[in-house]
Amino acid sequence: MELDLQKLSQIIMKWSIENEEWETVLKLYTIYGIGIPVRYLYILPKKNLYENLNTALQRNQEIELYSNDFNLRKLLSLFQHSKWKRLEEWSNSYGYSYINN
């Protein structure tokens, strides 16, 4: 039985987002290059609601969090330095992929 690392990374990313394991999400996103599909971006905790995440980022509006978790704040700040694209690892769903400068 061959282990599909791409599928495993999807499962870990999905589980981490749903269980608010922000340190794991941050590491998967920045170190391992696993993108975050838009369907998961909309469930990230925030107080302000926008039409979409792009609108919030384009207006440079600060997103107020329900949590003071450092990893979640860092993750949200990285979307400004990320690329909106088709994510091959998510069956070509659109989402953000971190660009390491």
N, C-alpha and C. Protein backbone atom coordinates (compact mmCIF):
# COMPACT_ATOMS: atom_id res chain seq x y z
N MET A 1 0.85 -1.18 0.00
CA MET A 1 0.00 0.00 0.00
C MET A 1 0.89 1.24 0.00
N GLU A 2 0.71 2.08 -0.98
CA GLU A 2 1.52 3.27 -1.12
C GLU A 2 0.87 4.44 -0.36
N LEU A 3 1.68 5.15 0.40
CA LEU A 3 1.20 6.30 1.16
C LEU A 3 1.17 7.52 0.25
N ASP A 4 0.03 8.14 0.12
CA ASP A 4 -0.12 9.33 -0.69
C ASP A 4 0.11 10.55 0.21
N LEU A 5 1.30 11.14 0.13
CA LEU A 5 1.65 12.26 1.00
C LEU A 5 0.78 13.49 0.75
N GLN A 6 0.36 13.67 -0.49
CA GLN A 6 -0.51 14.80 -0.81
C GLN A 6 -1.85 14.66 -0.10
N LYS A 7 -2.43 13.49 -0.12
CA LYS A 7 -3.70 13.25 0.55
C LYS A 7 -3.53 13.37 2.06
N LEU A 8 -2.43 12.86 2.58
CA LEU A 8 -2.16 12.96 4.02
C LEU A 8 -2.05 14.42 4.46
N SER A 9 -1.36 15.24 3.65
CA SER A 9 -1.23 16.66 4.00
C SER A 9 -2.58 17.37 3.98
N GLN A 10 -3.46 16.99 3.06
CA GLN A 10 -4.81 17.56 3.01
C GLN A 10 -5.58 17.20 4.29
N ILE A 11 -5.50 15.96 4.68
CA ILE A 11 -6.22 15.50 5.88
C ILE A 11 -5.72 16.24 7.11
N ILE A 12 -4.40 16.37 7.24
CA ILE A 12 -3.85 17.07 8.41
C ILE A 12 -4.23 18.54 8.39
N MET A 13 -4.17 19.19 7.22
CA MET A 13 -4.54 20.61 7.13
C MET A 13 -6.01 20.80 7.49
N LYS A 14 -6.87 19.99 6.92
CA LYS A 14 -8.30 20.12 7.20
C LYS A 14 -8.58 19.90 8.69
N TRP A 15 -8.01 18.85 9.26
CA TRP A 15 -8.22 18.55 10.67
C TRP A 15 -7.70 19.69 11.55
N SER A 16 -6.54 20.23 11.21
CA SER A 16 -5.94 21.30 12.00
C SER A 16 -6.78 22.57 11.98
N ILE A 17 -7.32 22.91 10.82
CA ILE A 17 -8.19 24.09 10.74
C ILE A 17 -9.46 23.88 11.54
N GLU A 18 -10.10 22.74 11.35
CA GLU A 18 -11.35 22.47 12.04
C GLU A 18 -11.19 22.39 13.56
N ASN A 19 -10.00 21.97 14.01
CA ASN A 19 -9.74 21.85 15.45
C ASN A 19 -8.92 23.02 16.00
N GLU A 20 -8.76 24.05 15.19
CA GLU A 20 -8.08 25.28 15.57
C GLU A 20 -6.69 25.03 16.11
N GLU A 21 -5.96 24.14 15.44
CA GLU A 21 -4.56 23.87 15.75
C GLU A 21 -3.72 24.78 14.86
N TRP A 22 -3.65 26.07 15.23
CA TRP A 22 -3.08 27.09 14.35
C TRP A 22 -1.59 26.93 14.14
N GLU A 23 -0.87 26.40 15.11
CA GLU A 23 0.56 26.19 14.93
C GLU A 23 0.81 25.18 13.80
N THR A 24 0.03 24.11 13.79
CA THR A 24 0.16 23.10 12.74
C THR A 24 -0.22 23.68 11.38
N VAL A 25 -1.31 24.44 11.33
CA VAL A 25 -1.73 25.07 10.06
C VAL A 25 -0.64 25.99 9.55
N LEU A 26 -0.08 26.80 10.44
CA LEU A 26 0.97 27.74 10.05
C LEU A 26 2.19 27.01 9.50
N LYS A 27 2.60 25.92 10.14
CA LYS A 27 3.76 25.16 9.67
C LYS A 27 3.48 24.49 8.33
N LEU A 28 2.31 23.89 8.18
CA LEU A 28 1.96 23.26 6.91
C LEU A 28 1.96 24.29 5.78
N TYR A 29 1.46 25.49 6.08
CA TYR A 29 1.33 26.55 5.08
C TYR A 29 2.68 27.13 4.70
N THR A 30 3.52 27.42 5.70
CA THR A 30 4.78 28.13 5.42
C THR A 30 5.95 27.20 5.15
N ILE A 31 6.09 26.15 5.91
CA ILE A 31 7.25 25.28 5.77
C ILE A 31 7.05 24.23 4.69
N TYR A 32 5.88 23.60 4.68
CA TYR A 32 5.63 22.50 3.75
C TYR A 32 4.90 22.92 2.47
N GLY A 33 4.49 24.19 2.39
CA GLY A 33 3.91 24.71 1.16
C GLY A 33 2.53 24.18 0.82
N ILE A 34 1.77 23.78 1.83
CA ILE A 34 0.41 23.29 1.59
C ILE A 34 -0.51 24.51 1.54
N GLY A 35 -1.16 24.70 0.42
CA GLY A 35 -2.07 25.83 0.27
C GLY A 35 -3.34 25.64 1.08
N ILE A 36 -4.07 26.73 1.25
CA ILE A 36 -5.33 26.70 1.99
C ILE A 36 -6.45 27.08 1.02
N PRO A 37 -7.35 26.14 0.72
CA PRO A 37 -8.46 26.43 -0.19
C PRO A 37 -9.43 27.44 0.43
N VAL A 38 -10.09 28.17 -0.43
CA VAL A 38 -11.00 29.22 0.00
C VAL A 38 -12.09 28.69 0.92
N ARG A 39 -12.54 27.47 0.72
CA ARG A 39 -13.62 26.94 1.58
C ARG A 39 -13.20 26.87 3.04
N TYR A 40 -11.90 26.78 3.31
CA TYR A 40 -11.42 26.76 4.69
C TYR A 40 -11.08 28.15 5.20
N LEU A 41 -10.81 29.07 4.30
CA LEU A 41 -10.52 30.45 4.72
C LEU A 41 -11.73 31.09 5.38
N TYR A 42 -12.91 30.77 4.89
CA TYR A 42 -14.12 31.40 5.41
C TYR A 42 -14.51 30.90 6.79
N ILE A 43 -13.91 29.82 7.26
CA ILE A 43 -14.24 29.35 8.61
C ILE A 43 -13.22 29.78 9.65
N LEU A 44 -12.18 30.54 9.23
CA LEU A 44 -11.23 31.05 10.20
C LEU A 44 -11.94 32.05 11.12
N PRO A 45 -11.66 32.01 12.40
CA PRO A 45 -12.36 32.90 13.34
C PRO A 45 -12.00 34.36 13.13
N LYS A 46 -13.01 35.19 13.02
CA LYS A 46 -12.83 36.63 12.89
C LYS A 46 -14.10 37.32 13.37
N LYS A 47 -13.95 38.55 13.82
CA LYS A 47 -15.13 39.31 14.27
C LYS A 47 -15.78 40.05 13.13
N ASN A 48 -14.96 40.69 12.31
CA ASN A 48 -15.50 41.46 11.20
C ASN A 48 -15.84 40.54 10.03
N LEU A 49 -17.01 40.73 9.47
CA LEU A 49 -17.40 39.92 8.32
C LEU A 49 -17.29 40.78 7.07
N TYR A 50 -16.72 40.24 6.03
CA TYR A 50 -16.54 40.93 4.77
C TYR A 50 -17.21 40.13 3.67
N GLU A 51 -17.38 40.76 2.53
CA GLU A 51 -17.94 40.04 1.39
C GLU A 51 -17.07 38.83 1.06
N ASN A 52 -15.77 39.03 1.09
CA ASN A 52 -14.82 37.93 0.89
C ASN A 52 -13.47 38.35 1.44
N LEU A 53 -12.55 37.40 1.53
CA LEU A 53 -11.25 37.67 2.11
C LEU A 53 -10.44 38.64 1.26
N ASN A 54 -10.59 38.57 -0.05
CA ASN A 54 -9.86 39.49 -0.94
C ASN A 54 -10.22 40.94 -0.65
N THR A 55 -11.50 41.22 -0.41
CA THR A 55 -11.94 42.58 -0.11
C THR A 55 -11.26 43.09 1.15
N ALA A 56 -11.21 42.27 2.18
CA ALA A 56 -10.58 42.67 3.44
C ALA A 56 -9.09 42.94 3.23
N LEU A 57 -8.43 42.10 2.46
CA LEU A 57 -7.00 42.28 2.25
C LEU A 57 -6.70 43.48 1.36
N GLN A 58 -7.52 43.71 0.34
CA GLN A 58 -7.29 44.84 -0.56
C GLN A 58 -7.50 46.17 0.16
N ARG A 59 -8.40 46.20 1.09
CA ARG A 59 -8.66 47.44 1.83
C ARG A 59 -7.70 47.60 3.00
N ASN A 60 -6.82 46.62 3.21
CA ASN A 60 -5.88 46.63 4.33
C ASN A 60 -6.58 46.82 5.66
N GLN A 61 -7.75 46.24 5.78
CA GLN A 61 -8.48 46.33 7.03
C GLN A 61 -7.98 45.25 7.97
N GLU A 62 -7.85 45.62 9.22
CA GLU A 62 -7.40 44.66 10.21
C GLU A 62 -8.54 43.71 10.55
N ILE A 63 -8.23 42.45 10.60
CA ILE A 63 -9.21 41.45 10.98
C ILE A 63 -9.08 41.21 12.47
N GLU A 64 -10.14 41.48 13.22
CA GLU A 64 -10.11 41.28 14.66
C GLU A 64 -10.43 39.83 14.97
N LEU A 65 -9.60 39.24 15.78
CA LEU A 65 -9.76 37.82 16.07
C LEU A 65 -10.46 37.60 17.40
N TYR A 66 -11.14 36.47 17.51
CA TYR A 66 -11.72 36.06 18.77
C TYR A 66 -10.65 35.52 19.71
N SER A 67 -9.52 35.20 19.18
CA SER A 67 -8.44 34.59 19.94
C SER A 67 -7.22 35.49 19.93
N ASN A 68 -6.43 35.38 20.95
CA ASN A 68 -5.16 36.10 20.98
C ASN A 68 -4.03 35.19 20.55
N ASP A 69 -4.35 34.10 19.90
CA ASP A 69 -3.36 33.11 19.49
C ASP A 69 -2.37 33.71 18.49
N PHE A 70 -1.09 33.68 18.84
CA PHE A 70 -0.05 34.25 17.99
C PHE A 70 -0.03 33.59 16.61
N ASN A 71 -0.14 32.27 16.56
CA ASN A 71 -0.06 31.54 15.30
C ASN A 71 -1.20 31.89 14.36
N LEU A 72 -2.39 32.10 14.89
CA LEU A 72 -3.53 32.49 14.05
C LEU A 72 -3.32 33.90 13.50
N ARG A 73 -2.86 34.82 14.34
CA ARG A 73 -2.59 36.17 13.85
C ARG A 73 -1.52 36.17 12.77
N LYS A 74 -0.48 35.38 12.97
CA LYS A 74 0.60 35.28 11.98
C LYS A 74 0.07 34.71 10.66
N LEU A 75 -0.74 33.66 10.76
CA LEU A 75 -1.32 33.05 9.56
C LEU A 75 -2.13 34.06 8.77
N LEU A 76 -3.00 34.80 9.43
CA LEU A 76 -3.83 35.79 8.74
C LEU A 76 -2.98 36.89 8.12
N SER A 77 -1.91 37.28 8.78
CA SER A 77 -1.06 38.34 8.23
C SER A 77 -0.31 37.87 6.98
N LEU A 78 -0.09 36.57 6.85
CA LEU A 78 0.64 36.03 5.71
C LEU A 78 -0.17 36.03 4.41
N PHE A 79 -1.47 36.14 4.50
CA PHE A 79 -2.27 36.12 3.28
C PHE A 79 -1.96 37.31 2.38
N GLN A 80 -1.47 38.41 2.95
CA GLN A 80 -1.08 39.56 2.14
C GLN A 80 0.17 39.25 1.31
N HIS A 81 0.95 38.26 1.74
CA HIS A 81 2.18 37.88 1.06
C HIS A 81 2.02 36.52 0.37
N SER A 82 0.81 36.19 0.06
CA SER A 82 0.52 34.90 -0.55
C SER A 82 -0.04 35.09 -1.95
N LYS A 83 -0.10 34.00 -2.66
CA LYS A 83 -0.59 34.05 -4.04
C LYS A 83 -1.93 33.32 -4.14
N TRP A 84 -2.89 33.98 -4.77
CA TRP A 84 -4.20 33.39 -5.05
C TRP A 84 -4.04 32.56 -6.31
N LYS A 85 -4.32 31.27 -6.24
CA LYS A 85 -4.10 30.43 -7.41
C LYS A 85 -4.86 29.12 -7.28
N ARG A 86 -4.79 28.33 -8.34
CA ARG A 86 -5.33 26.97 -8.28
C ARG A 86 -4.35 26.12 -7.49
N LEU A 87 -4.88 25.40 -6.53
CA LEU A 87 -4.04 24.57 -5.69
C LEU A 87 -4.09 23.13 -6.19
N GLU A 88 -3.01 22.69 -6.79
CA GLU A 88 -2.96 21.34 -7.33
C GLU A 88 -3.21 20.29 -6.25
N GLU A 89 -2.70 20.56 -5.05
CA GLU A 89 -2.85 19.59 -3.96
C GLU A 89 -4.30 19.47 -3.47
N TRP A 90 -5.16 20.39 -3.90
CA TRP A 90 -6.57 20.37 -3.52
C TRP A 90 -7.44 20.21 -4.77
N SER A 91 -7.05 19.38 -5.68
CA SER A 91 -7.80 19.10 -6.92
C SER A 91 -8.12 20.37 -7.69
N ASN A 92 -7.14 21.26 -7.76
CA ASN A 92 -7.25 22.53 -8.49
C ASN A 92 -8.29 23.48 -7.94
N SER A 93 -8.65 23.35 -6.66
CA SER A 93 -9.52 24.35 -6.01
C SER A 93 -8.71 25.64 -5.87
N TYR A 94 -9.40 26.76 -5.85
CA TYR A 94 -8.71 28.04 -5.65
C TYR A 94 -8.47 28.28 -4.17
N GLY A 95 -7.36 28.96 -3.91
CA GLY A 95 -7.02 29.30 -2.54
C GLY A 95 -5.69 30.03 -2.52
N TYR A 96 -5.11 30.14 -1.34
CA TYR A 96 -3.86 30.85 -1.16
C TYR A 96 -2.71 29.89 -0.95
N SER A 97 -1.58 30.24 -1.54
CA SER A 97 -0.34 29.52 -1.37
C SER A 97 0.71 30.52 -0.93
N TYR A 98 1.47 30.17 0.09
CA TYR A 98 2.45 31.08 0.64
C TYR A 98 3.65 31.23 -0.29
N ILE A 99 4.07 32.47 -0.49
CA ILE A 99 5.24 32.77 -1.30
C ILE A 99 6.38 33.12 -0.34
N ASN A 100 7.38 32.29 -0.29
CA ASN A 100 8.50 32.51 0.61
C ASN A 100 9.48 33.45 -0.07
N ASN A 101 9.62 34.66 0.47
CA ASN A 101 10.51 35.66 -0.13
C ASN A 101 11.92 35.50 0.36
